[in-house]
Amino acid sequence: MWLTRTRGFQVIIVTEVNGKIIGLTVDRVLDITNIPEDKIQLATDFTAQEKTRYLRAMGKLGNRLILLLDLNKIMDFEDEKFVNDKMSSEEIILNF
């Protein structure tokens, strides 16, 4: 994952989803950190509730609990038309 500063306080989070490089525009990033694999617990290990359907995993660093989102559940990257339409537009806006 890479971060690129653009237009003042916005940043673009660049990541890979299903073999495609995508960029997500966000207002801010509070921290960039590496979580050791042994400190990550997959979501399927702790819950199957509707409230946590967008979680991929949880990471624990000291007393911090870090939630890792599953981008495939937030957006349908398998839908080729959706991806092509969005990739040809200037930006995709996600509201959480």
Protein backbone atom coordinates (compact mmCIF):
# COMPACT_ATOMS: atom_id res chain seq x y z
CA MET A 1 0.00 0.00 0.00
CA TRP A 2 1.28 3.47 -0.90
CA LEU A 3 0.08 6.93 0.07
CA THR A 4 0.23 9.91 -2.27
CA ARG A 5 -0.51 13.50 -1.17
CA THR A 6 -2.78 15.49 -3.47
CA ARG A 7 -4.86 18.69 -3.30
CA GLY A 8 -4.07 20.00 0.16
CA PHE A 9 -5.10 17.61 2.91
CA GLN A 10 -6.35 14.74 0.74
CA VAL A 11 -4.35 11.59 0.26
CA ILE A 12 -4.77 8.66 -2.08
CA ILE A 13 -4.38 5.19 -0.65
CA VAL A 14 -3.04 2.97 -3.43
CA THR A 15 -3.55 -0.75 -2.97
CA GLU A 16 -4.03 -3.97 -4.93
CA VAL A 17 -7.42 -5.68 -5.14
CA ASN A 18 -7.90 -8.83 -7.22
CA GLY A 19 -4.67 -8.17 -9.10
CA LYS A 20 -5.66 -4.58 -9.99
CA ILE A 21 -3.98 -1.47 -8.61
CA ILE A 22 -6.60 1.00 -7.33
CA GLY A 23 -6.52 4.36 -5.56
CA LEU A 24 -8.93 5.51 -2.88
CA THR A 25 -9.16 9.23 -2.10
CA VAL A 26 -9.48 9.89 1.63
CA ASP A 27 -9.57 13.03 3.76
CA ARG A 28 -6.75 11.95 6.04
CA VAL A 29 -4.60 9.10 7.26
CA LEU A 30 -3.79 9.01 10.95
CA ASP A 31 -1.02 6.43 10.87
CA ILE A 32 0.84 3.97 8.67
CA THR A 33 1.98 0.83 10.41
CA ASN A 34 3.06 -2.74 9.78
CA ILE A 35 1.26 -5.42 11.76
CA PRO A 36 3.12 -8.71 12.28
CA GLU A 37 1.19 -11.64 10.82
CA ASP A 38 0.99 -13.37 14.21
CA LYS A 39 -0.87 -10.31 15.59
CA ILE A 40 -3.66 -10.51 12.96
CA GLN A 41 -6.85 -12.47 13.59
CA LEU A 42 -9.11 -13.13 10.57
CA ALA A 43 -12.72 -11.98 10.89
CA THR A 44 -14.03 -15.51 10.31
CA ASP A 45 -12.22 -16.54 13.49
CA PHE A 46 -14.19 -14.21 15.74
CA THR A 47 -17.57 -13.38 14.18
CA ALA A 48 -20.10 -13.90 11.43
CA GLN A 49 -22.39 -11.03 12.41
CA GLU A 50 -23.90 -8.58 9.93
CA LYS A 51 -22.31 -5.63 11.79
CA THR A 52 -18.83 -6.87 10.94
CA ARG A 53 -19.41 -7.94 7.34
CA TYR A 54 -16.86 -5.41 5.99
CA LEU A 55 -14.06 -6.57 8.28
CA ARG A 56 -11.29 -8.74 6.93
CA ALA A 57 -9.34 -9.03 10.16
CA MET A 58 -8.32 -7.36 13.39
CA GLY A 59 -4.77 -6.56 14.36
CA LYS A 60 -3.43 -5.93 17.83
CA LEU A 61 -0.40 -3.73 18.47
CA GLY A 62 0.24 -3.16 22.15
CA ASN A 63 -2.99 -1.71 23.52
CA ARG A 64 -4.25 -0.67 20.04
CA LEU A 65 -6.93 -2.64 18.18
CA ILE A 66 -6.74 -2.09 14.41
CA LEU A 67 -9.63 -3.05 12.12
CA LEU A 68 -8.67 -4.20 8.62
CA LEU A 69 -11.39 -3.67 5.99
CA ASP A 70 -12.19 -6.12 3.19
CA LEU A 71 -12.33 -3.90 0.09
CA ASN A 72 -13.94 -6.70 -1.91
CA LYS A 73 -16.97 -6.51 0.38
CA ILE A 74 -17.14 -2.71 0.27
CA MET A 75 -17.03 -2.51 -3.54
CA ASP A 76 -17.73 -5.10 -6.23
CA PHE A 77 -14.36 -5.34 -7.97
CA GLU A 78 -15.48 -8.52 -9.74
CA ASP A 79 -18.12 -6.60 -11.71
CA GLU A 80 -16.10 -5.75 -14.83
CA LYS A 81 -18.55 -3.05 -15.98
CA PHE A 82 -18.43 -1.35 -12.55
CA VAL A 83 -14.63 -1.37 -12.51
CA ASN A 84 -14.29 -0.12 -16.09
CA ASP A 85 -16.87 2.65 -15.56
CA LYS A 86 -15.23 3.78 -12.33
CA MET A 87 -11.69 3.51 -13.64
CA SER A 88 -12.58 5.75 -16.58
CA SER A 89 -14.11 8.39 -14.29
CA GLU A 90 -11.93 10.90 -12.45
CA GLU A 91 -12.51 9.44 -9.00
CA ILE A 92 -14.57 7.04 -6.94
CA ILE A 93 -15.99 8.48 -3.73
CA LEU A 94 -16.63 6.15 -0.81
CA ASN A 95 -18.66 7.48 2.10
CA PHE A 96 -18.41 5.62 5.40
